[in-house]
Protein backbone atom coordinates (compact mmCIF):
# COMPACT_ATOMS: atom_id res chain seq x y z
CA MET A 1 -216.49 96.80 -103.40
CA SER A 2 -212.84 98.13 -103.85
CA ALA A 3 -212.02 101.65 -105.02
CA ALA A 4 -208.37 101.44 -104.39
CA PHE A 5 -205.60 99.11 -103.67
CA LEU A 6 -202.36 98.92 -101.78
CA ALA A 7 -199.43 97.43 -103.72
CA LEU A 8 -196.21 96.06 -101.87
CA TRP A 9 -193.19 94.57 -103.03
CA ASN A 10 -190.34 93.06 -100.83
CA ASP A 11 -187.76 90.58 -100.07
CA ILE A 12 -186.05 89.21 -97.11
CA ASP A 13 -182.63 89.97 -96.03
CA ARG A 14 -181.45 86.25 -95.45
CA PRO A 15 -182.56 82.94 -97.15
CA GLU A 16 -182.79 81.09 -93.76
CA ALA A 17 -185.40 83.50 -92.45
CA ARG A 18 -187.86 82.50 -95.46
CA ALA A 19 -189.98 79.74 -93.60
CA GLU A 20 -190.47 82.06 -90.65
CA TYR A 21 -191.33 85.06 -92.82
CA GLU A 22 -193.90 83.11 -94.89
CA ALA A 23 -195.44 81.76 -91.69
CA TRP A 24 -195.77 85.34 -90.39
CA HIS A 25 -197.07 86.91 -93.23
CA ALA A 26 -199.51 84.24 -94.18
CA PHE A 27 -200.95 83.45 -90.75
CA GLU A 28 -200.61 86.57 -88.71
CA HIS A 29 -199.75 89.72 -91.01
CA VAL A 30 -202.04 89.47 -93.79
CA PRO A 31 -205.14 88.57 -91.74
CA GLU A 32 -204.42 91.29 -89.14
CA ARG A 33 -204.44 93.78 -91.85
CA VAL A 34 -207.42 92.56 -93.86
CA GLY A 35 -209.19 92.82 -90.45
CA LEU A 36 -208.81 96.59 -90.31
CA PRO A 37 -211.64 98.91 -91.30
CA GLY A 38 -211.65 99.75 -94.96
CA PHE A 39 -209.70 96.50 -96.09
CA VAL A 40 -211.57 93.96 -98.23
CA TYR A 41 -208.94 91.35 -99.21
CA GLY A 42 -205.37 90.53 -99.13
CA TYR A 43 -203.34 88.42 -101.98
CA ARG A 44 -199.92 87.11 -101.08
CA TYR A 45 -197.50 86.22 -104.17
CA VAL A 46 -194.02 84.92 -104.27
CA GLY A 47 -191.58 85.35 -107.18
CA ALA A 48 -187.97 84.92 -108.03
CA SER A 49 -187.33 88.60 -107.08
CA GLY A 50 -189.20 88.16 -103.76
CA TYR A 51 -192.96 88.89 -102.76
CA PHE A 52 -195.71 91.00 -103.63
CA THR A 53 -198.74 91.60 -101.54
CA LEU A 54 -201.96 93.25 -102.77
CA TYR A 55 -204.75 94.58 -100.46
CA GLY A 56 -207.95 95.74 -101.77
CA LEU A 57 -209.32 98.68 -100.09
CA GLU A 58 -212.75 100.28 -100.21
CA SER A 59 -211.03 103.56 -100.62
CA LEU A 60 -207.54 105.14 -99.80
CA ALA A 61 -209.13 106.45 -96.60
CA ALA A 62 -208.52 103.06 -95.04
CA LEU A 63 -205.10 103.85 -94.87
CA ASP A 64 -205.75 106.94 -92.82
CA SER A 65 -207.94 105.26 -90.06
CA ALA A 66 -206.82 105.22 -86.36
CA GLU A 67 -206.89 101.36 -86.55
CA TYR A 68 -204.41 101.44 -89.25
CA ALA A 69 -201.99 103.86 -87.66
CA ASP A 70 -202.03 101.69 -84.26
CA VAL A 71 -200.93 98.62 -86.05
CA ILE A 72 -197.98 100.65 -87.81
CA ALA A 73 -196.99 102.32 -84.32
CA ASN A 74 -197.65 99.21 -82.24
CA PRO A 75 -196.65 96.17 -84.05
CA THR A 76 -197.28 92.66 -82.73
CA PRO A 77 -194.21 90.97 -81.16
CA TRP A 78 -193.83 88.99 -84.14
CA SER A 79 -194.20 91.90 -86.59
CA ALA A 80 -191.62 93.74 -84.53
CA ARG A 81 -189.10 90.73 -84.92
CA MET A 82 -189.84 90.46 -88.80
CA ARG A 83 -189.73 93.91 -89.86
CA PRO A 84 -185.79 94.19 -89.81
CA ARG A 85 -185.95 91.18 -92.18
CA LEU A 86 -187.71 93.16 -94.84
CA SER A 87 -185.57 94.21 -97.91
CA ALA A 88 -186.01 95.74 -101.28
CA PHE A 89 -189.31 97.25 -99.99
CA MET A 90 -191.66 99.13 -102.07
CA ARG A 91 -195.24 100.65 -101.19
CA ARG A 92 -197.69 102.06 -103.74
CA PRO A 93 -201.32 103.15 -102.58
CA CYS A 94 -203.46 103.47 -105.50
CA ARG A 95 -206.71 104.54 -106.70
CA LEU A 96 -208.30 102.12 -108.88
CA GLN A 97 -208.44 103.28 -112.51
CA VAL A 98 -209.16 100.13 -114.46
CA GLN A 99 -210.37 96.66 -113.89
CA ALA A 100 -211.33 94.06 -116.68
CA GLY A 101 -212.03 90.12 -116.27
CA VAL A 102 -213.76 88.40 -113.44
CA SER A 103 -211.31 85.35 -112.83
CA CYS A 104 -208.54 85.41 -110.60
CA GLY A 105 -205.25 83.85 -112.16
CA ALA A 106 -202.63 81.97 -110.25
CA ALA A 107 -199.90 83.94 -112.18
CA LEU A 108 -199.48 87.51 -111.81
CA THR A 109 -197.09 90.05 -113.46
CA THR A 110 -196.70 93.64 -111.92
CA LEU A 111 -195.77 96.55 -114.04
CA LYS A 112 -194.84 99.93 -112.83
CA ALA A 113 -194.27 103.11 -114.80
CA VAL A 114 -194.68 106.75 -114.63
CA THR A 115 -197.13 108.97 -116.95
CA THR A 116 -197.70 112.64 -117.04
CA ASP A 117 -201.51 112.43 -117.99
CA VAL A 118 -203.22 110.05 -115.84
CA GLN A 119 -206.81 110.71 -117.41
CA ALA A 120 -205.38 109.94 -121.02
CA TRP A 121 -203.44 106.87 -119.59
CA ALA A 122 -206.41 105.48 -117.80
CA ALA A 123 -208.72 105.73 -121.00
CA GLN A 124 -206.06 103.82 -122.87
CA ALA A 125 -205.40 101.35 -120.29
CA ALA A 126 -209.10 100.47 -120.07
CA ARG A 127 -209.41 100.13 -123.78
CA TRP A 128 -206.34 97.77 -124.00
CA ALA A 129 -207.23 95.87 -120.76
CA GLY A 130 -210.78 95.17 -122.28
CA GLN A 131 -209.15 93.72 -125.52
CA ALA A 132 -206.45 91.58 -123.67
CA VAL A 133 -209.38 89.90 -121.55
CA GLN A 134 -211.72 89.63 -124.79
CA GLN A 135 -208.89 88.12 -126.59
CA ARG A 136 -207.91 85.69 -123.94
CA LEU A 137 -204.30 87.16 -123.54
CA LEU A 138 -205.11 87.87 -119.79
CA LEU A 139 -207.52 86.46 -117.23
CA ARG A 140 -207.85 89.78 -115.37
CA VAL A 141 -206.34 93.15 -115.41
CA THR A 142 -206.26 95.89 -112.65
CA ALA A 143 -204.52 99.23 -112.73
CA GLY A 144 -204.32 102.20 -110.50
CA ALA A 145 -202.48 105.55 -109.92
CA ALA A 146 -200.61 106.51 -106.91
CA PRO A 147 -201.63 109.95 -105.81
CA VAL A 148 -198.57 112.30 -105.46
CA GLU A 149 -199.57 113.32 -102.05
CA ARG A 150 -199.16 109.59 -100.89
CA SER A 151 -195.58 109.24 -102.18
CA LEU A 152 -194.13 109.77 -99.06
CA TYR A 153 -191.45 108.32 -96.72
CA TYR A 154 -192.98 105.41 -95.08
CA PRO A 155 -191.84 104.53 -91.69
CA VAL A 156 -191.70 100.61 -92.14
CA GLY A 157 -189.41 98.84 -94.58
CA GLY A 158 -187.06 101.74 -95.17
CA GLU A 159 -188.02 102.97 -98.56
CA ARG A 160 -187.44 106.64 -99.14
CA ILE A 161 -189.40 107.63 -102.21
CA ALA A 162 -187.37 110.11 -104.46
CA GLU A 163 -189.34 113.31 -104.84
CA GLN A 164 -191.46 113.13 -108.13
CA ALA A 165 -191.10 115.89 -110.69
CA GLN A 166 -194.25 117.97 -111.06
CA GLY A 167 -196.66 116.54 -112.98
CA GLU A 168 -195.44 112.99 -112.89
CA VAL A 169 -197.61 110.05 -111.43
CA THR A 170 -196.62 106.63 -110.62
CA VAL A 171 -199.14 104.02 -112.33
CA VAL A 172 -199.24 100.06 -111.01
CA MET A 173 -200.80 97.61 -113.41
CA LEU A 174 -201.34 94.13 -112.39
CA ALA A 175 -201.94 91.26 -115.24
CA GLU A 176 -203.24 87.81 -114.29
CA HIS A 177 -203.36 84.45 -116.05
CA LEU A 178 -203.40 80.72 -115.69
CA ASP A 179 -199.48 80.22 -115.75
CA GLY A 180 -196.44 82.40 -115.71
CA PRO A 181 -195.30 82.46 -119.45
CA THR A 182 -198.78 83.25 -120.93
CA CYS A 183 -199.03 85.85 -118.13
CA ALA A 184 -195.74 87.49 -119.17
CA GLN A 185 -196.89 87.44 -122.85
CA GLY A 186 -200.32 89.08 -122.22
CA ALA A 187 -198.71 91.56 -119.95
CA GLN A 188 -196.16 92.60 -122.46
CA TRP A 189 -198.79 92.71 -125.26
CA TRP A 190 -200.50 95.40 -122.92
CA ALA A 191 -197.26 97.02 -122.08
CA ASP A 192 -196.46 97.44 -125.68
CA ARG A 193 -199.65 99.33 -126.52
CA MET A 194 -199.41 101.44 -123.61
CA GLN A 195 -195.92 102.50 -124.25
CA ALA A 196 -196.81 106.30 -125.73
CA HIS A 197 -198.23 107.07 -122.28
CA HIS A 198 -195.10 105.77 -120.14
CA LEU A 199 -192.06 108.01 -119.68
CA GLU A 200 -190.09 105.07 -119.34
CA LYS A 201 -190.37 101.26 -120.06
CA PRO A 202 -192.50 99.82 -117.22
CA THR A 203 -190.65 97.58 -114.71
CA GLN A 204 -192.01 94.08 -114.75
CA GLN A 205 -191.75 91.22 -112.04
CA ALA A 206 -193.54 87.88 -112.05
CA PHE A 207 -195.16 86.20 -109.26
CA ALA A 208 -197.31 83.00 -108.25
CA LEU A 209 -200.26 83.27 -105.88
CA GLN A 210 -199.64 81.91 -102.36
CA THR A 211 -202.47 82.63 -100.32
CA ARG A 212 -205.57 84.99 -100.38
CA VAL A 213 -207.72 86.30 -97.40
CA TYR A 214 -211.11 88.08 -97.62
CA ARG A 215 -212.42 90.18 -94.50
CA SER A 216 -216.00 88.58 -94.85
CA GLN A 217 -214.16 85.19 -94.03
CA LEU A 218 -212.43 86.47 -90.81
CA ALA A 219 -213.73 85.81 -87.43
CA LEU A 220 -213.11 89.55 -86.03
CA PRO A 221 -213.34 90.47 -82.33
CA ALA A 222 -215.90 92.72 -81.40
CA SER A 223 -213.37 95.36 -80.89
CA GLY A 224 -209.59 95.88 -81.31
CA ARG A 225 -207.22 93.82 -83.45
CA LEU A 226 -206.97 90.18 -84.24
CA PRO A 227 -204.70 88.61 -81.30
CA PRO A 228 -201.12 87.94 -82.08
CA LEU A 229 -199.87 84.25 -82.65
CA MET A 230 -197.50 83.92 -79.95
CA GLU A 231 -197.36 80.04 -80.00
CA LEU A 232 -196.68 80.06 -83.57
CA MET A 233 -194.03 82.76 -83.29
CA ALA A 234 -192.33 80.86 -80.55
CA GLY A 235 -191.82 77.98 -82.77
CA TYR A 236 -189.30 80.11 -84.82
CA ALA A 237 -187.52 81.33 -81.83
CA ASP A 238 -184.32 80.00 -82.90
CA CYS A 239 -184.39 80.90 -86.52
């Protein structure tokens, strides 16, 4: 079960690095992260604006473990090579507030906004998310709030989060459906009904599912991290 999630948006700094980035991210990076204590799954998406990665967490405490700190401080050789390629990086750890629907859609729309009353926002988000699924406007809806104490500078990716005004909380909403246009319509329907609880119009981005990894499917070592994929990395040495 996931009581939290980690949402990450990014692009890469040059198009010619795309093939290597996707190989690294799909085969080494996401499985390594999902293999850490407290991680449940990892979903990778791609869109016109870049990439989106979603990690399901047992709780936000998964981001405080010694194992997680180790992969940040001591990246694999391939991760060390790819980190400078990241651009437009955004990271939001969220406590899960809302989930409706059981099917996973190939199309995803992410929405980011700010509220000053998380409790009221969550109540309305749950109400409209349930209706969106019941009316078949969306397959699945997930929403969470990023605790203010976790909105800090993150050492990977270069994002510096501006200091939030007192009482303001970033919220992340994820809308899924079978195809992009239908997903966008359902997400807009939901956003329109939530507008009174957002300080600004939500930022929307569209993505398509690339890969998904579940911790239960990984052959994890008895201790330590999954081994780096040095041979696969070597194939991109001249990129």
